Amino acid sequence: MKLVIAVIQDQDADRTIKALNDAGYRVTRVASTGGFFSVGNTTLLCGVDDAQVRGVLDVLKTTCERRTRLMFRLAVVRRAA
């Protein structure tokens, strides 16, 4: 038995859970927040046999998107005293 722990973005959670359930995998969903941008994440817990790990990872790869965010750096101007 293996425990697959996947931290995914909230936007992907419903679609991923449905796909995992449709493929016959049982999933526990845990809400979590954190990371650099403090955005909402979902942690999925999925206990599977060793031979099923690849199937779970394949579902995760097809349903979860990689996103890029731009971060602008603000210049700090200091006044002379």
C-alpha atoms as a PDB file:
ATOM      1  CA  MET A   1       0.000   0.000   0.000  1.00  0.00           C
ATOM      2  CA  LYS A   2       1.075   3.533  -0.776  1.00  0.00           C
ATOM      3  CA  LEU A   3      -0.349   6.878   0.284  1.00  0.00           C
ATOM      4  CA  VAL A   4      -0.354   9.429  -2.519  1.00  0.00           C
ATOM      5  CA  ILE A   5      -0.419  12.990  -1.175  1.00  0.00           C
ATOM      6  CA  ALA A   6      -1.103  15.629  -3.816  1.00  0.00           C
ATOM      7  CA  VAL A   7      -1.300  19.363  -3.129  1.00  0.00           C
ATOM      8  CA  ILE A   8      -3.219  20.923  -6.006  1.00  0.00           C
ATOM      9  CA  GLN A   9      -4.786  24.287  -6.716  1.00  0.00           C
ATOM     10  CA  ASP A  10      -8.426  24.813  -5.762  1.00  0.00           C
ATOM     11  CA  GLN A  11      -9.356  25.418  -9.422  1.00  0.00           C
ATOM     12  CA  ASP A  12      -8.384  21.816 -10.247  1.00  0.00           C
ATOM     13  CA  ALA A  13      -9.844  20.081  -7.198  1.00  0.00           C
ATOM     14  CA  ASP A  14     -13.394  19.209  -8.289  1.00  0.00           C
ATOM     15  CA  ARG A  15     -12.340  18.012 -11.736  1.00  0.00           C
ATOM     16  CA  THR A  16      -9.475  15.933 -10.296  1.00  0.00           C
ATOM     17  CA  ILE A  17     -11.581  14.297  -7.592  1.00  0.00           C
ATOM     18  CA  LYS A  18     -14.268  13.387 -10.138  1.00  0.00           C
ATOM     19  CA  ALA A  19     -11.666  11.904 -12.503  1.00  0.00           C
ATOM     20  CA  LEU A  20     -10.075   9.879  -9.689  1.00  0.00           C
ATOM     21  CA  ASN A  21     -13.468   8.594  -8.527  1.00  0.00           C
ATOM     22  CA  ASP A  22     -14.467   7.723 -12.109  1.00  0.00           C
ATOM     23  CA  ALA A  23     -11.213   5.738 -12.422  1.00  0.00           C
ATOM     24  CA  GLY A  24     -12.122   3.794  -9.266  1.00  0.00           C
ATOM     25  CA  TYR A  25      -9.865   5.536  -6.745  1.00  0.00           C
ATOM     26  CA  ARG A  26     -11.139   6.759  -3.384  1.00  0.00           C
ATOM     27  CA  VAL A  27      -9.927  10.188  -2.316  1.00  0.00           C
ATOM     28  CA  THR A  28      -9.961  12.262   0.850  1.00  0.00           C
ATOM     29  CA  ARG A  29      -9.990  16.038   0.356  1.00  0.00           C
ATOM     30  CA  VAL A  30      -8.371  18.420   2.856  1.00  0.00           C
ATOM     31  CA  ALA A  31      -8.508  22.195   2.397  1.00  0.00           C
ATOM     32  CA  SER A  32      -5.193  23.954   2.852  1.00  0.00           C
ATOM     33  CA  THR A  33      -3.721  27.400   2.307  1.00  0.00           C
ATOM     34  CA  GLY A  34      -0.168  28.447   1.954  1.00  0.00           C
ATOM     35  CA  GLY A  35       2.715  28.876  -0.326  1.00  0.00           C
ATOM     36  CA  PHE A  36       4.288  31.999  -1.658  1.00  0.00           C
ATOM     37  CA  PHE A  37       1.068  33.594  -2.931  1.00  0.00           C
ATOM     38  CA  SER A  38      -1.103  32.388   0.001  1.00  0.00           C
ATOM     39  CA  VAL A  39      -3.675  30.974  -2.387  1.00  0.00           C
ATOM     40  CA  GLY A  40      -6.177  28.263  -1.612  1.00  0.00           C
ATOM     41  CA  ASN A  41      -4.947  24.744  -2.167  1.00  0.00           C
ATOM     42  CA  THR A  42      -6.505  21.353  -1.789  1.00  0.00           C
ATOM     43  CA  THR A  43      -4.583  18.387  -0.442  1.00  0.00           C
ATOM     44  CA  LEU A  44      -5.737  15.020  -1.785  1.00  0.00           C
ATOM     45  CA  LEU A  45      -5.000  11.794   0.075  1.00  0.00           C
ATOM     46  CA  CYS A  46      -5.345   8.566  -1.865  1.00  0.00           C
ATOM     47  CA  GLY A  47      -4.392   5.151  -0.473  1.00  0.00           C
ATOM     48  CA  VAL A  48      -3.707   2.654  -3.265  1.00  0.00           C
ATOM     49  CA  ASP A  49      -1.890  -0.591  -3.950  1.00  0.00           C
ATOM     50  CA  ASP A  50       1.645  -0.299  -5.285  1.00  0.00           C
ATOM     51  CA  ALA A  51       0.519  -1.149  -8.817  1.00  0.00           C
ATOM     52  CA  GLN A  52      -2.096   1.645  -8.809  1.00  0.00           C
ATOM     53  CA  VAL A  53       0.254   4.546  -8.046  1.00  0.00           C
ATOM     54  CA  ARG A  54       1.051   5.139 -11.736  1.00  0.00           C
ATOM     55  CA  GLY A  55      -2.688   5.346 -12.546  1.00  0.00           C
ATOM     56  CA  VAL A  56      -3.282   7.971  -9.850  1.00  0.00           C
ATOM     57  CA  LEU A  57      -0.307  10.029 -11.037  1.00  0.00           C
ATOM     58  CA  ASP A  58      -1.563   9.836 -14.634  1.00  0.00           C
ATOM     59  CA  VAL A  59      -4.958  11.209 -13.585  1.00  0.00           C
ATOM     60  CA  LEU A  60      -3.267  14.021 -11.640  1.00  0.00           C
ATOM     61  CA  LYS A  61      -1.101  14.934 -14.636  1.00  0.00           C
ATOM     62  CA  THR A  62      -4.081  15.141 -16.983  1.00  0.00           C
ATOM     63  CA  THR A  63      -6.432  17.083 -14.701  1.00  0.00           C
ATOM     64  CA  CYS A  64      -4.122  19.534 -12.931  1.00  0.00           C
ATOM     65  CA  GLU A  65      -2.776  22.537 -14.792  1.00  0.00           C
ATOM     66  CA  ARG A  66       0.507  24.312 -14.331  1.00  0.00           C
ATOM     67  CA  ARG A  67      -0.056  28.031 -13.927  1.00  0.00           C
ATOM     68  CA  THR A  68       2.324  30.951 -14.177  1.00  0.00           C
ATOM     69  CA  ARG A  69       1.860  34.135 -12.201  1.00  0.00           C
ATOM     70  CA  LEU A  70       3.635  37.375 -12.762  1.00  0.00           C
ATOM     71  CA  MET A  71       4.916  39.280  -9.804  1.00  0.00           C
ATOM     72  CA  PHE A  72       5.828  42.908 -10.106  1.00  0.00           C
ATOM     73  CA  ARG A  73       8.594  44.335  -8.026  1.00  0.00           C
ATOM     74  CA  LEU A  74       7.912  47.802  -6.658  1.00  0.00           C
ATOM     75  CA  ALA A  75      10.832  50.142  -6.313  1.00  0.00           C
ATOM     76  CA  VAL A  76      11.191  51.807  -2.927  1.00  0.00           C
ATOM     77  CA  VAL A  77      12.125  55.465  -3.145  1.00  0.00           C
ATOM     78  CA  ARG A  78      13.734  56.974  -0.072  1.00  0.00           C
ATOM     79  CA  ARG A  79      13.804  60.690   0.510  1.00  0.00           C
ATOM     80  CA  ALA A  80      17.044  62.330   1.523  1.00  0.00           C
ATOM     81  CA  ALA A  81      17.008  63.581   5.103  1.00  0.00           C
END
